PDB file of N, CA and C in Angstrom:
ATOM      1  N   MET A   1       4.474  16.509  -4.054  1.00  0.00           N
ATOM      2  CA  MET A   1       4.993  15.426  -4.849  1.00  0.00           C
ATOM      3  C   MET A   1       4.252  15.404  -6.182  1.00  0.00           C
ATOM      4  N   THR A   2       4.998  15.186  -7.234  1.00  0.00           N
ATOM      5  CA  THR A   2       4.437  14.997  -8.563  1.00  0.00           C
ATOM      6  C   THR A   2       4.838  13.611  -9.027  1.00  0.00           C
ATOM      7  N   ALA A   3       3.910  12.889  -9.624  1.00  0.00           N
ATOM      8  CA  ALA A   3       4.217  11.530 -10.068  1.00  0.00           C
ATOM      9  C   ALA A   3       3.631  11.280 -11.450  1.00  0.00           C
ATOM     10  N   ALA A   4       4.293  10.408 -12.184  1.00  0.00           N
ATOM     11  CA  ALA A   4       3.811   9.970 -13.489  1.00  0.00           C
ATOM     12  C   ALA A   4       4.179   8.502 -13.642  1.00  0.00           C
ATOM     13  N   VAL A   5       3.306   7.752 -14.285  1.00  0.00           N
ATOM     14  CA  VAL A   5       3.557   6.336 -14.508  1.00  0.00           C
ATOM     15  C   VAL A   5       3.432   6.051 -15.991  1.00  0.00           C
ATOM     16  N   VAL A   6       4.404   5.334 -16.515  1.00  0.00           N
ATOM     17  CA  VAL A   6       4.389   4.877 -17.906  1.00  0.00           C
ATOM     18  C   VAL A   6       4.633   3.370 -17.880  1.00  0.00           C
ATOM     19  N   VAL A   7       4.457   2.733 -19.013  1.00  0.00           N
ATOM     20  CA  VAL A   7       4.738   1.303 -19.070  1.00  0.00           C
ATOM     21  C   VAL A   7       6.161   1.071 -19.525  1.00  0.00           C
ATOM     22  N   LYS A   8       6.721  -0.019 -19.040  1.00  0.00           N
ATOM     23  CA  LYS A   8       8.067  -0.421 -19.439  1.00  0.00           C
ATOM     24  C   LYS A   8       7.956  -1.840 -19.991  1.00  0.00           C
ATOM     25  N   PRO A   9       8.611  -2.116 -21.104  1.00  0.00           N
ATOM     26  CA  PRO A   9       8.557  -3.479 -21.640  1.00  0.00           C
ATOM     27  C   PRO A   9       9.076  -4.493 -20.613  1.00  0.00           C
ATOM     28  N   ASP A  10       8.428  -5.641 -20.538  1.00  0.00           N
ATOM     29  CA  ASP A  10       8.809  -6.687 -19.604  1.00  0.00           C
ATOM     30  C   ASP A  10       8.789  -8.021 -20.349  1.00  0.00           C
ATOM     31  N   PRO A  11       9.864  -8.807 -20.247  1.00  0.00           N
ATOM     32  CA  PRO A  11       9.903 -10.061 -21.008  1.00  0.00           C
ATOM     33  C   PRO A  11       8.823 -11.065 -20.593  1.00  0.00           C
ATOM     34  N   LYS A  12       8.423 -11.062 -19.324  1.00  0.00           N
ATOM     35  CA  LYS A  12       7.430 -12.026 -18.844  1.00  0.00           C
ATOM     36  C   LYS A  12       6.000 -11.545 -19.057  1.00  0.00           C
ATOM     37  N   TRP A  13       5.717 -10.275 -18.690  1.00  0.00           N
ATOM     38  CA  TRP A  13       4.353  -9.772 -18.692  1.00  0.00           C
ATOM     39  C   TRP A  13       4.010  -8.916 -19.915  1.00  0.00           C
ATOM     40  N   GLY A  14       4.968  -8.567 -20.709  1.00  0.00           N
ATOM     41  CA  GLY A  14       4.725  -7.691 -21.861  1.00  0.00           C
ATOM     42  C   GLY A  14       4.984  -6.237 -21.507  1.00  0.00           C
ATOM     43  N   GLU A  15       4.287  -5.762 -20.461  1.00  0.00           N
ATOM     44  CA  GLU A  15       4.470  -4.394 -19.973  1.00  0.00           C
ATOM     45  C   GLU A  15       4.281  -4.394 -18.461  1.00  0.00           C
ATOM     46  N   THR A  16       5.004  -3.511 -17.785  1.00  0.00           N
ATOM     47  CA  THR A  16       4.819  -3.315 -16.347  1.00  0.00           C
ATOM     48  C   THR A  16       4.865  -1.823 -16.041  1.00  0.00           C
ATOM     49  N   PRO A  17       4.206  -1.395 -14.961  1.00  0.00           N
ATOM     50  CA  PRO A  17       4.228   0.021 -14.588  1.00  0.00           C
ATOM     51  C   PRO A  17       5.619   0.463 -14.129  1.00  0.00           C
ATOM     52  N   TYR A  18       5.984   1.670 -14.497  1.00  0.00           N
ATOM     53  CA  TYR A  18       7.281   2.267 -14.187  1.00  0.00           C
ATOM     54  C   TYR A  18       6.987   3.688 -13.740  1.00  0.00           C
ATOM     55  N   ALA A  19       7.291   4.020 -12.495  1.00  0.00           N
ATOM     56  CA  ALA A  19       6.896   5.316 -11.928  1.00  0.00           C
ATOM     57  C   ALA A  19       8.051   6.300 -11.846  1.00  0.00           C
ATOM     58  N   PHE A  20       7.743   7.550 -12.108  1.00  0.00           N
ATOM     59  CA  PHE A  20       8.678   8.666 -11.958  1.00  0.00           C
ATOM     60  C   PHE A  20       8.089   9.591 -10.905  1.00  0.00           C
ATOM     61  N   ILE A  21       8.888   9.972  -9.914  1.00  0.00           N
ATOM     62  CA  ILE A  21       8.385  10.788  -8.814  1.00  0.00           C
ATOM     63  C   ILE A  21       9.320  11.962  -8.563  1.00  0.00           C
ATOM     64  N   GLU A  22       8.724  13.143  -8.460  1.00  0.00           N
ATOM     65  CA  GLU A  22       9.444  14.367  -8.110  1.00  0.00           C
ATOM     66  C   GLU A  22       8.947  14.777  -6.725  1.00  0.00           C
ATOM     67  N   LEU A  23       9.816  14.686  -5.735  1.00  0.00           N
ATOM     68  CA  LEU A  23       9.448  15.031  -4.366  1.00  0.00           C
ATOM     69  C   LEU A  23       9.578  16.525  -4.128  1.00  0.00           C
ATOM     70  N   LYS A  24       8.748  17.047  -3.245  1.00  0.00           N
ATOM     71  CA  LYS A  24       8.854  18.445  -2.845  1.00  0.00           C
ATOM     72  C   LYS A  24      10.110  18.615  -1.998  1.00  0.00           C
ATOM     73  N   PRO A  25      10.696  19.806  -1.988  1.00  0.00           N
ATOM     74  CA  PRO A  25      11.881  20.037  -1.149  1.00  0.00           C
ATOM     75  C   PRO A  25      11.589  19.714   0.316  1.00  0.00           C
ATOM     76  N   GLY A  26      12.511  19.012   0.937  1.00  0.00           N
ATOM     77  CA  GLY A  26      12.364  18.662   2.342  1.00  0.00           C
ATOM     78  C   GLY A  26      11.606  17.373   2.597  1.00  0.00           C
ATOM     79  N   VAL A  27      11.028  16.780   1.558  1.00  0.00           N
ATOM     80  CA  VAL A  27      10.284  15.531   1.709  1.00  0.00           C
ATOM     81  C   VAL A  27      11.189  14.371   1.325  1.00  0.00           C
ATOM     82  N   GLU A  28      11.147  13.325   2.126  1.00  0.00           N
ATOM     83  CA  GLU A  28      11.952  12.141   1.824  1.00  0.00           C
ATOM     84  C   GLU A  28      11.056  10.926   1.693  1.00  0.00           C
ATOM     85  N   ALA A  29      11.359  10.079   0.743  1.00  0.00           N
ATOM     86  CA  ALA A  29      10.655   8.816   0.545  1.00  0.00           C
ATOM     87  C   ALA A  29      11.602   7.876  -0.178  1.00  0.00           C
ATOM     88  N   THR A  30      11.436   6.597   0.070  1.00  0.00           N
ATOM     89  CA  THR A  30      12.262   5.604  -0.604  1.00  0.00           C
ATOM     90  C   THR A  30      11.404   4.825  -1.591  1.00  0.00           C
ATOM     91  N   GLU A  31      12.063   4.093  -2.433  1.00  0.00           N
ATOM     92  CA  GLU A  31      11.349   3.251  -3.389  1.00  0.00           C
ATOM     93  C   GLU A  31      10.454   2.264  -2.631  1.00  0.00           C
ATOM     94  N   ALA A  32      10.969   1.700  -1.536  1.00  0.00           N
ATOM     95  CA  ALA A  32      10.186   0.752  -0.737  1.00  0.00           C
ATOM     96  C   ALA A  32       8.946   1.410  -0.137  1.00  0.00           C
ATOM     97  N   ASP A  33       9.065   2.664   0.310  1.00  0.00           N
ATOM     98  CA  ASP A  33       7.911   3.396   0.861  1.00  0.00           C
ATOM     99  C   ASP A  33       6.810   3.539  -0.188  1.00  0.00           C
ATOM    100  N   ILE A  34       7.190   3.942  -1.384  1.00  0.00           N
ATOM    101  CA  ILE A  34       6.217   4.169  -2.453  1.00  0.00           C
ATOM    102  C   ILE A  34       5.559   2.853  -2.864  1.00  0.00           C
ATOM    103  N   ILE A  35       6.348   1.808  -3.028  1.00  0.00           N
ATOM    104  CA  ILE A  35       5.806   0.513  -3.432  1.00  0.00           C
ATOM    105  C   ILE A  35       4.878  -0.039  -2.356  1.00  0.00           C
ATOM    106  N   ALA A  36       5.253   0.101  -1.082  1.00  0.00           N
ATOM    107  CA  ALA A  36       4.393  -0.367   0.011  1.00  0.00           C
ATOM    108  C   ALA A  36       3.056   0.373   0.006  1.00  0.00           C
ATOM    109  N   HIS A  37       3.093   1.683  -0.220  1.00  0.00           N
ATOM    110  CA  HIS A  37       1.862   2.473  -0.288  1.00  0.00           C
ATOM    111  C   HIS A  37       0.988   2.006  -1.454  1.00  0.00           C
ATOM    112  N   CYS A  38       1.607   1.793  -2.604  1.00  0.00           N
ATOM    113  CA  CYS A  38       0.861   1.345  -3.781  1.00  0.00           C
ATOM    114  C   CYS A  38       0.241  -0.027  -3.554  1.00  0.00           C
ATOM    115  N   LYS A  39       0.960  -0.927  -2.878  1.00  0.00           N
ATOM    116  CA  LYS A  39       0.434  -2.272  -2.612  1.00  0.00           C
ATOM    117  C   LYS A  39      -0.805  -2.221  -1.726  1.00  0.00           C
ATOM    118  N   GLN A  40      -0.889  -1.224  -0.861  1.00  0.00           N
ATOM    119  CA  GLN A  40      -2.055  -1.083   0.014  1.00  0.00           C
ATOM    120  C   GLN A  40      -3.285  -0.570  -0.741  1.00  0.00           C
ATOM    121  N   HIS A  41      -3.070   0.197  -1.804  1.00  0.00           N
ATOM    122  CA  HIS A  41      -4.174   0.883  -2.463  1.00  0.00           C
ATOM    123  C   HIS A  41      -4.462   0.448  -3.897  1.00  0.00           C
ATOM    124  N   LEU A  42      -3.599  -0.362  -4.481  1.00  0.00           N
ATOM    125  CA  LEU A  42      -3.770  -0.754  -5.881  1.00  0.00           C
ATOM    126  C   LEU A  42      -3.777  -2.267  -6.045  1.00  0.00           C
ATOM    127  N   ALA A  43      -4.350  -2.724  -7.136  1.00  0.00           N
ATOM    128  CA  ALA A  43      -4.265  -4.137  -7.494  1.00  0.00           C
ATOM    129  C   ALA A  43      -2.804  -4.468  -7.793  1.00  0.00           C
ATOM    130  N   GLY A  44      -2.405  -5.693  -7.569  1.00  0.00           N
ATOM    131  CA  GLY A  44      -1.013  -6.102  -7.725  1.00  0.00           C
ATOM    132  C   GLY A  44      -0.405  -5.773  -9.076  1.00  0.00           C
ATOM    133  N   PHE A  45      -1.182  -5.935 -10.149  1.00  0.00           N
ATOM    134  CA  PHE A  45      -0.632  -5.673 -11.478  1.00  0.00           C
ATOM    135  C   PHE A  45      -0.441  -4.181 -11.756  1.00  0.00           C
ATOM    136  N   LYS A  46      -1.016  -3.326 -10.915  1.00  0.00           N
ATOM    137  CA  LYS A  46      -0.880  -1.883 -11.093  1.00  0.00           C
ATOM    138  C   LYS A  46       0.278  -1.288 -10.293  1.00  0.00           C
ATOM    139  N   VAL A  47       0.880  -2.060  -9.404  1.00  0.00           N
ATOM    140  CA  VAL A  47       1.976  -1.570  -8.562  1.00  0.00           C
ATOM    141  C   VAL A  47       3.231  -1.416  -9.419  1.00  0.00           C
ATOM    142  N   PRO A  48       3.864  -0.242  -9.395  1.00  0.00           N
ATOM    143  CA  PRO A  48       5.086  -0.043 -10.188  1.00  0.00           C
ATOM    144  C   PRO A  48       6.177  -1.028  -9.804  1.00  0.00           C
ATOM    145  N   ARG A  49       6.887  -1.518 -10.795  1.00  0.00           N
ATOM    146  CA  ARG A  49       7.997  -2.441 -10.549  1.00  0.00           C
ATOM    147  C   ARG A  49       9.288  -1.682 -10.266  1.00  0.00           C
ATOM    148  N   ALA A  50       9.328  -0.422 -10.653  1.00  0.00           N
ATOM    149  CA  ALA A  50      10.511   0.408 -10.412  1.00  0.00           C
ATOM    150  C   ALA A  50      10.062   1.847 -10.208  1.00  0.00           C
ATOM    151  N   ILE A  51      10.829   2.568  -9.407  1.00  0.00           N
ATOM    152  CA  ILE A  51      10.562   3.969  -9.117  1.00  0.00           C
ATOM    153  C   ILE A  51      11.823   4.758  -9.451  1.00  0.00           C
ATOM    154  N   VAL A  52      11.651   5.873 -10.155  1.00  0.00           N
ATOM    155  CA  VAL A  52      12.771   6.764 -10.462  1.00  0.00           C
ATOM    156  C   VAL A  52      12.460   8.111  -9.815  1.00  0.00           C
ATOM    157  N   PHE A  53      13.369   8.570  -8.965  1.00  0.00           N
ATOM    158  CA  PHE A  53      13.201   9.866  -8.308  1.00  0.00           C
ATOM    159  C   PHE A  53      13.998  10.917  -9.069  1.00  0.00           C
ATOM    160  N   GLY A  54      13.435  12.087  -9.209  1.00  0.00           N
ATOM    161  CA  GLY A  54      14.131  13.180  -9.868  1.00  0.00           C
ATOM    162  C   GLY A  54      13.140  14.196 -10.405  1.00  0.00           C
ATOM    163  N   GLU A  55      13.686  15.217 -11.048  1.00  0.00           N
ATOM    164  CA  GLU A  55      12.841  16.258 -11.631  1.00  0.00           C
ATOM    165  C   GLU A  55      12.162  15.723 -12.880  1.00  0.00           C
ATOM    166  N   LEU A  56      10.865  15.974 -12.990  1.00  0.00           N
ATOM    167  CA  LEU A  56      10.107  15.507 -14.146  1.00  0.00           C
ATOM    168  C   LEU A  56      10.127  16.561 -15.251  1.00  0.00           C
ATOM    169  N   PRO A  57      10.249  16.124 -16.514  1.00  0.00           N
ATOM    170  CA  PRO A  57      10.249  17.089 -17.617  1.00  0.00           C
ATOM    171  C   PRO A  57       8.863  17.707 -17.798  1.00  0.00           C
ATOM    172  N   LYS A  58       8.844  19.036 -17.879  1.00  0.00           N
ATOM    173  CA  LYS A  58       7.573  19.760 -18.028  1.00  0.00           C
ATOM    174  C   LYS A  58       7.692  20.799 -19.129  1.00  0.00           C
ATOM    175  N   THR A  59       6.529  21.179 -19.655  1.00  0.00           N
ATOM    176  CA  THR A  59       6.487  22.262 -20.630  1.00  0.00           C
ATOM    177  C   THR A  59       6.616  23.595 -19.891  1.00  0.00           C
ATOM    178  N   SER A  60       6.656  24.674 -20.620  1.00  0.00           N
ATOM    179  CA  SER A  60       6.757  25.997 -19.999  1.00  0.00           C
ATOM    180  C   SER A  60       5.519  26.338 -19.171  1.00  0.00           C
ATOM    181  N   THR A  61       4.398  25.652 -19.445  1.00  0.00           N
ATOM    182  CA  THR A  61       3.175  25.887 -18.669  1.00  0.00           C
ATOM    183  C   THR A  61       3.008  24.882 -17.531  1.00  0.00           C
ATOM    184  N   GLY A  62       3.972  23.990 -17.348  1.00  0.00           N
ATOM    185  CA  GLY A  62       3.951  23.055 -16.231  1.00  0.00           C
ATOM    186  C   GLY A  62       3.333  21.700 -16.509  1.00  0.00           C
ATOM    187  N   LYS A  63       2.957  21.432 -17.758  1.00  0.00           N
ATOM    188  CA  LYS A  63       2.371  20.133 -18.095  1.00  0.00           C
ATOM    189  C   LYS A  63       3.484  19.092 -18.251  1.00  0.00           C
ATOM    190  N   LEU A  64       3.240  17.885 -17.713  1.00  0.00           N
ATOM    191  CA  LEU A  64       4.242  16.818 -17.822  1.00  0.00           C
ATOM    192  C   LEU A  64       4.429  16.389 -19.273  1.00  0.00           C
ATOM    193  N   GLN A  65       5.678  16.129 -19.617  1.00  0.00           N
ATOM    194  CA  GLN A  65       6.005  15.648 -20.960  1.00  0.00           C
ATOM    195  C   GLN A  65       6.268  14.142 -20.871  1.00  0.00           C
ATOM    196  N   LYS A  66       5.174  13.368 -20.915  1.00  0.00           N
ATOM    197  CA  LYS A  66       5.287  11.930 -20.723  1.00  0.00           C
ATOM    198  C   LYS A  66       6.064  11.245 -21.839  1.00  0.00           C
ATOM    199  N   PHE A  67       6.134  11.849 -23.008  1.00  0.00           N
ATOM    200  CA  PHE A  67       6.896  11.216 -24.083  1.00  0.00           C
ATOM    201  C   PHE A  67       8.369  11.112 -23.721  1.00  0.00           C
ATOM    202  N   HIS A  68       8.891  12.061 -22.939  1.00  0.00           N
ATOM    203  CA  HIS A  68      10.278  11.976 -22.457  1.00  0.00           C
ATOM    204  C   HIS A  68      10.418  10.819 -21.466  1.00  0.00           C
ATOM    205  N   LEU A  69       9.423  10.637 -20.624  1.00  0.00           N
ATOM    206  CA  LEU A  69       9.462   9.556 -19.643  1.00  0.00           C
ATOM    207  C   LEU A  69       9.353   8.199 -20.328  1.00  0.00           C
ATOM    208  N   ARG A  70       8.502   8.099 -21.354  1.00  0.00           N
ATOM    209  CA  ARG A  70       8.397   6.846 -22.105  1.00  0.00           C
ATOM    210  C   ARG A  70       9.718   6.501 -22.768  1.00  0.00           C
ATOM    211  N   LYS A  71      10.374   7.509 -23.293  1.00  0.00           N
ATOM    212  CA  LYS A  71      11.673   7.297 -23.940  1.00  0.00           C
ATOM    213  C   LYS A  71      12.680   6.771 -22.922  1.00  0.00           C
ATOM    214  N   GLN A  72      12.691   7.363 -21.740  1.00  0.00           N
ATOM    215  CA  GLN A  72      13.610   6.952 -20.677  1.00  0.00           C
ATOM    216  C   GLN A  72      13.313   5.520 -20.209  1.00  0.00           C
ATOM    217  N   ALA A  73      12.040   5.153 -20.177  1.00  0.00           N
ATOM    218  CA  ALA A  73      11.652   3.814 -19.731  1.00  0.00           C
ATOM    219  C   ALA A  73      11.800   2.773 -20.849  1.00  0.00           C
ATOM    220  N   GLY A  74      12.022   3.223 -22.067  1.00  0.00           N
ATOM    221  CA  GLY A  74      12.162   2.300 -23.186  1.00  0.00           C
ATOM    222  C   GLY A  74      10.829   1.863 -23.759  1.00  0.00           C
ATOM    223  N   SER A  75       9.789   2.663 -23.550  1.00  0.00           N
ATOM    224  CA  SER A  75       8.459   2.286 -24.054  1.00  0.00           C
ATOM    225  C   SER A  75       7.937   3.320 -25.035  1.00  0.00           C
ATOM    226  N   THR A  76       8.751   3.694 -25.970  1.00  0.00           N
ATOM    227  CA  THR A  76       8.360   4.750 -26.917  1.00  0.00           C
ATOM    228  C   THR A  76       7.230   4.314 -27.849  1.00  0.00           C
ATOM    229  N   THR A  77       6.891   3.032 -27.860  1.00  0.00           N
ATOM    230  CA  THR A  77       5.798   2.574 -28.714  1.00  0.00           C
ATOM    231  C   THR A  77       4.459   2.587 -27.983  1.00  0.00           C
ATOM    232  N   ALA A  78       4.440   3.000 -26.712  1.00  0.00           N
ATOM    233  CA  ALA A  78       3.187   3.044 -25.948  1.00  0.00           C
ATOM    234  C   ALA A  78       2.245   4.068 -26.545  1.00  0.00           C
ATOM    235  N   ILE A  79       0.967   3.799 -26.423  1.00  0.00           N
ATOM    236  CA  ILE A  79      -0.058   4.704 -26.956  1.00  0.00           C
ATOM    237  C   ILE A  79      -0.292   5.830 -25.963  1.00  0.00           C
ATOM    238  N   ASP A  80      -0.328   7.060 -26.440  1.00  0.00           N
ATOM    239  CA  ASP A  80      -0.598   8.225 -25.598  1.00  0.00           C
ATOM    240  C   ASP A  80      -2.097   8.479 -25.619  1.00  0.00           C
ATOM    241  N   VAL A  81      -2.739   8.273 -24.450  1.00  0.00           N
ATOM    242  CA  VAL A  81      -4.182   8.527 -24.356  1.00  0.00           C
ATOM    243  C   VAL A  81      -4.460   9.645 -23.408  1.00  0.00           C
TER     244      VAL A  81
END
Protein backbone atom coordinates (compact mmCIF):
# COMPACT_ATOMS: atom_id res chain seq x y z
CA MET A 1 0.00 0.00 0.00
CA THR A 2 1.16 3.51 -0.81
CA ALA A 3 -0.46 6.48 0.89
CA ALA A 4 -0.21 10.25 0.79
CA VAL A 5 -2.04 12.88 2.80
CA VAL A 6 -2.62 16.49 1.80
CA VAL A 7 -4.81 19.17 3.31
CA LYS A 8 -8.21 20.06 1.94
CA PRO A 9 -9.89 23.39 2.63
CA ASP A 10 -12.66 23.10 5.23
CA PRO A 11 -15.20 25.84 6.00
CA LYS A 12 -15.24 25.06 9.75
CA TRP A 13 -11.63 24.10 10.53
CA GLY A 14 -9.71 25.87 7.76
CA GLU A 15 -7.97 22.68 6.64
CA THR A 16 -8.54 18.96 7.16
CA PRO A 17 -6.49 15.88 6.20
CA TYR A 18 -7.39 14.24 2.88
CA ALA A 19 -5.81 10.84 2.15
CA PHE A 20 -4.98 9.15 -1.14
CA ILE A 21 -4.29 5.41 -1.02
CA GLU A 22 -2.99 3.02 -3.67
CA LEU A 23 -3.61 -0.58 -2.62
CA LYS A 24 -1.44 -3.48 -3.72
CA PRO A 25 -3.10 -5.96 -6.11
CA GLY A 26 -5.28 -8.41 -4.23
CA VAL A 27 -5.58 -6.22 -1.13
CA GLU A 28 -8.96 -4.85 -0.14
CA ALA A 29 -9.77 -2.05 2.29
CA THR A 30 -12.64 0.35 2.72
CA GLU A 31 -12.70 3.98 3.71
CA ALA A 32 -14.17 2.91 7.08
CA ASP A 33 -11.29 0.44 7.63
CA ILE A 34 -8.66 3.11 7.02
CA ILE A 35 -10.40 5.73 9.17
CA ALA A 36 -10.88 3.23 12.02
CA HIS A 37 -7.17 2.35 11.89
CA CYS A 38 -6.19 6.03 11.91
CA LYS A 39 -8.49 6.74 14.88
CA GLN A 40 -6.66 4.06 16.88
CA HIS A 41 -3.20 5.47 16.16
CA LEU A 42 -3.59 9.22 15.55
CA ALA A 43 -4.92 12.27 17.34
CA GLY A 44 -8.45 13.15 16.23
CA PHE A 45 -7.42 16.21 14.24
CA LYS A 46 -4.95 14.10 12.23
CA VAL A 47 -7.52 11.51 11.07
CA PRO A 48 -8.36 11.98 7.37
CA ARG A 49 -11.89 13.21 6.71
CA ALA A 50 -11.95 11.55 3.29
CA ILE A 51 -10.09 8.73 1.57
CA VAL A 52 -9.56 8.42 -2.19
CA PHE A 53 -8.50 5.03 -3.55
CA GLY A 54 -6.66 4.76 -6.84
CA GLU A 55 -3.29 4.96 -8.54
CA LEU A 56 -1.09 7.73 -7.18
CA PRO A 57 0.76 10.02 -9.61
CA LYS A 58 4.50 9.33 -9.58
CA THR A 59 7.59 10.52 -11.39
CA SER A 60 9.58 8.18 -13.63
CA THR A 61 11.74 7.34 -10.59
CA GLY A 62 8.71 6.48 -8.42
CA LYS A 63 8.53 9.61 -6.27
CA LEU A 64 5.00 10.79 -5.41
CA GLN A 65 3.85 13.97 -7.12
CA LYS A 66 1.96 15.57 -4.25
CA PHE A 67 1.27 18.73 -6.23
CA HIS A 68 -1.15 16.69 -8.37
CA LEU A 69 -2.86 15.42 -5.23
CA ARG A 70 -3.12 18.94 -3.79
CA LYS A 71 -4.71 20.09 -7.03
CA GLN A 72 -7.23 17.24 -6.87
CA ALA A 73 -8.05 18.04 -3.23
CA GLY A 74 -8.43 21.75 -4.00
CA SER A 75 -5.51 22.80 -1.79
CA THR A 76 -3.09 24.16 -4.36
CA THR A 77 -2.12 26.96 -1.97
CA ALA A 78 -0.69 24.51 0.61
CA ILE A 79 2.99 24.86 1.42
CA ASP A 80 5.23 22.05 0.16
CA VAL A 81 7.67 21.09 2.91
